[in-house]
Amino acid sequence: MSDQTSVETCRWAKPTVRAPFPYWLEGEDKAWTCFRDEQPRPLDDPSVCHGCPRWEPHRVHVSELPGR
């Protein structure tokens, strides 16, 4: 069974290259950014998401479902 509380499954984590300027500039060094706080926070180590008390699962929007 895979870990459910990872950076890939967190509602607040997004690939850094999708972050607003200037945060996306760090995408080469920091692959993930946390958007939970007021300011996006590029993650030095994405394993911090495991065990984060503010971790929440992704919420899928109906427009993202297949066939929509």
N, C-alpha and C. Protein backbone atom coordinates (compact mmCIF):
# COMPACT_ATOMS: atom_id res chain seq x y z
N MET A 1 0.84 -1.18 0.00
CA MET A 1 0.00 0.00 0.00
C MET A 1 0.89 1.24 0.00
N SER A 2 0.59 2.20 -0.83
CA SER A 2 1.41 3.40 -0.93
C SER A 2 1.03 4.41 0.16
N ASP A 3 1.95 5.33 0.41
CA ASP A 3 1.73 6.36 1.42
C ASP A 3 0.67 7.34 0.92
N GLN A 4 -0.35 7.55 1.71
CA GLN A 4 -1.44 8.45 1.31
C GLN A 4 -1.13 9.91 1.61
N THR A 5 -0.22 10.19 2.54
CA THR A 5 0.08 11.57 2.92
C THR A 5 1.42 11.99 2.33
N SER A 6 1.46 12.10 1.04
CA SER A 6 2.69 12.50 0.35
C SER A 6 2.48 13.83 -0.37
N VAL A 7 3.55 14.38 -0.87
CA VAL A 7 3.46 15.65 -1.59
C VAL A 7 2.57 15.52 -2.82
N GLU A 8 2.59 14.37 -3.47
CA GLU A 8 1.80 14.17 -4.67
C GLU A 8 0.30 14.12 -4.41
N THR A 9 -0.09 13.77 -3.20
CA THR A 9 -1.51 13.64 -2.89
C THR A 9 -2.06 14.78 -2.05
N CYS A 10 -1.23 15.77 -1.72
CA CYS A 10 -1.67 16.88 -0.87
C CYS A 10 -2.39 17.95 -1.69
N ARG A 11 -3.48 18.43 -1.13
CA ARG A 11 -4.26 19.49 -1.78
C ARG A 11 -3.43 20.76 -2.00
N TRP A 12 -2.53 21.05 -1.10
CA TRP A 12 -1.80 22.32 -1.12
C TRP A 12 -0.51 22.28 -1.93
N ALA A 13 -0.03 21.11 -2.31
CA ALA A 13 1.23 21.00 -3.04
C ALA A 13 0.99 21.01 -4.55
N LYS A 14 1.79 21.77 -5.24
CA LYS A 14 1.73 21.85 -6.70
C LYS A 14 3.16 21.85 -7.23
N PRO A 15 3.36 21.39 -8.47
CA PRO A 15 4.68 21.50 -9.06
C PRO A 15 5.11 22.97 -9.11
N THR A 16 6.34 23.23 -8.72
CA THR A 16 6.84 24.60 -8.64
C THR A 16 6.76 25.32 -9.98
N VAL A 17 6.89 24.61 -11.08
CA VAL A 17 6.82 25.27 -12.39
C VAL A 17 5.44 25.86 -12.66
N ARG A 18 4.42 25.48 -11.88
CA ARG A 18 3.08 26.05 -12.02
C ARG A 18 2.82 27.19 -11.03
N ALA A 19 3.80 27.50 -10.21
CA ALA A 19 3.65 28.57 -9.22
C ALA A 19 3.75 29.92 -9.92
N PRO A 20 3.18 30.97 -9.31
CA PRO A 20 3.28 32.31 -9.91
C PRO A 20 4.72 32.83 -9.87
N PHE A 21 5.01 33.78 -10.74
CA PHE A 21 6.31 34.44 -10.73
C PHE A 21 6.47 35.16 -9.39
N PRO A 22 7.59 35.15 -8.77
CA PRO A 22 8.89 34.61 -9.15
C PRO A 22 9.14 33.19 -8.63
N TYR A 23 8.14 32.59 -7.98
CA TYR A 23 8.36 31.29 -7.34
C TYR A 23 8.71 30.19 -8.34
N TRP A 24 8.13 30.23 -9.54
CA TRP A 24 8.40 29.17 -10.51
C TRP A 24 9.86 29.14 -10.93
N LEU A 25 10.59 30.22 -10.71
CA LEU A 25 12.01 30.25 -11.06
C LEU A 25 12.82 29.23 -10.26
N GLU A 26 12.30 28.81 -9.12
CA GLU A 26 12.99 27.82 -8.29
C GLU A 26 12.65 26.39 -8.70
N GLY A 27 11.88 26.22 -9.75
CA GLY A 27 11.42 24.91 -10.16
C GLY A 27 12.52 23.92 -10.49
N GLU A 28 13.66 24.39 -10.91
CA GLU A 28 14.75 23.48 -11.23
C GLU A 28 15.37 22.87 -9.97
N ASP A 29 15.36 23.63 -8.88
CA ASP A 29 15.96 23.16 -7.63
C ASP A 29 14.94 22.58 -6.65
N LYS A 30 13.71 23.09 -6.71
CA LYS A 30 12.68 22.67 -5.77
C LYS A 30 11.43 22.31 -6.57
N ALA A 31 11.22 21.02 -6.72
CA ALA A 31 10.17 20.53 -7.62
C ALA A 31 8.76 20.83 -7.13
N TRP A 32 8.55 20.98 -5.83
CA TRP A 32 7.22 21.17 -5.28
C TRP A 32 7.12 22.44 -4.46
N THR A 33 5.93 23.05 -4.47
CA THR A 33 5.64 24.25 -3.69
C THR A 33 4.37 24.03 -2.90
N CYS A 34 4.39 24.48 -1.64
CA CYS A 34 3.21 24.40 -0.79
C CYS A 34 2.46 25.73 -0.87
N PHE A 35 1.17 25.65 -1.18
CA PHE A 35 0.32 26.84 -1.31
C PHE A 35 -0.61 27.00 -0.11
N ARG A 36 -0.35 26.33 0.98
CA ARG A 36 -1.22 26.37 2.16
C ARG A 36 -1.18 27.74 2.84
N ASP A 37 -0.02 28.36 2.91
CA ASP A 37 0.13 29.64 3.58
C ASP A 37 -0.17 30.79 2.62
N GLU A 38 -0.17 31.99 3.14
CA GLU A 38 -0.45 33.18 2.33
C GLU A 38 0.53 33.31 1.16
N GLN A 39 1.79 33.04 1.42
CA GLN A 39 2.82 33.09 0.38
C GLN A 39 3.19 31.66 -0.01
N PRO A 40 3.29 31.36 -1.32
CA PRO A 40 3.74 30.02 -1.73
C PRO A 40 5.12 29.74 -1.14
N ARG A 41 5.35 28.49 -0.75
CA ARG A 41 6.61 28.11 -0.12
C ARG A 41 7.23 26.93 -0.87
N PRO A 42 8.26 27.20 -1.71
CA PRO A 42 8.95 26.09 -2.38
C PRO A 42 9.56 25.15 -1.33
N LEU A 43 9.40 23.86 -1.54
CA LEU A 43 9.84 22.87 -0.56
C LEU A 43 11.24 22.36 -0.87
N ASP A 44 12.13 22.50 0.11
CA ASP A 44 13.48 21.94 -0.04
C ASP A 44 13.42 20.42 -0.04
N ASP A 45 12.57 19.87 0.80
CA ASP A 45 12.43 18.43 0.94
C ASP A 45 10.95 18.06 0.95
N PRO A 46 10.41 17.52 -0.14
CA PRO A 46 8.99 17.21 -0.19
C PRO A 46 8.54 16.14 0.80
N SER A 47 9.47 15.45 1.44
CA SER A 47 9.06 14.44 2.43
C SER A 47 8.48 15.09 3.68
N VAL A 48 8.60 16.42 3.82
CA VAL A 48 7.99 17.10 4.97
C VAL A 48 6.47 16.99 4.92
N CYS A 49 5.90 16.73 3.76
CA CYS A 49 4.45 16.57 3.64
C CYS A 49 3.96 15.35 4.40
N HIS A 50 4.80 14.34 4.48
CA HIS A 50 4.44 13.14 5.23
C HIS A 50 4.39 13.52 6.71
N GLY A 51 3.23 13.42 7.29
CA GLY A 51 3.10 13.77 8.69
C GLY A 51 2.76 15.22 8.96
N CYS A 52 2.59 16.02 7.92
CA CYS A 52 2.23 17.42 8.10
C CYS A 52 0.82 17.50 8.69
N PRO A 53 0.61 18.25 9.77
CA PRO A 53 -0.72 18.32 10.37
C PRO A 53 -1.74 19.06 9.50
N ARG A 54 -1.27 19.80 8.50
CA ARG A 54 -2.19 20.54 7.62
C ARG A 54 -2.40 19.84 6.28
N TRP A 55 -1.88 18.62 6.13
CA TRP A 55 -2.06 17.86 4.89
C TRP A 55 -3.55 17.60 4.68
N GLU A 56 -4.01 17.81 3.44
CA GLU A 56 -5.40 17.49 3.05
C GLU A 56 -5.35 16.82 1.69
N PRO A 57 -6.24 15.86 1.43
CA PRO A 57 -6.24 15.21 0.12
C PRO A 57 -6.69 16.15 -0.98
N HIS A 58 -6.25 15.87 -2.19
CA HIS A 58 -6.70 16.65 -3.35
C HIS A 58 -8.21 16.59 -3.46
N ARG A 59 -8.78 17.66 -3.93
CA ARG A 59 -10.21 17.69 -4.24
C ARG A 59 -10.33 17.78 -5.75
N VAL A 60 -10.97 16.83 -6.33
CA VAL A 60 -11.10 16.80 -7.78
C VAL A 60 -12.33 17.62 -8.19
N HIS A 61 -12.11 18.56 -9.09
CA HIS A 61 -13.22 19.36 -9.62
C HIS A 61 -13.91 18.55 -10.70
N VAL A 62 -15.21 18.70 -10.82
CA VAL A 62 -16.00 17.94 -11.80
C VAL A 62 -15.46 18.13 -13.22
N SER A 63 -14.90 19.29 -13.54
CA SER A 63 -14.37 19.53 -14.88
C SER A 63 -13.12 18.71 -15.17
N GLU A 64 -12.49 18.16 -14.12
CA GLU A 64 -11.28 17.36 -14.29
C GLU A 64 -11.58 15.87 -14.48
N LEU A 65 -12.84 15.48 -14.33
CA LEU A 65 -13.21 14.09 -14.49
C LEU A 65 -13.19 13.70 -15.97
N PRO A 66 -12.84 12.45 -16.25
CA PRO A 66 -12.83 12.00 -17.64
C PRO A 66 -14.19 12.18 -18.30
N GLY A 67 -14.19 12.57 -19.54
CA GLY A 67 -15.43 12.74 -20.29
C GLY A 67 -16.10 14.08 -20.09
N ARG A 68 -15.43 15.00 -19.42
CA ARG A 68 -16.03 16.33 -19.19
C ARG A 68 -15.37 17.36 -20.05
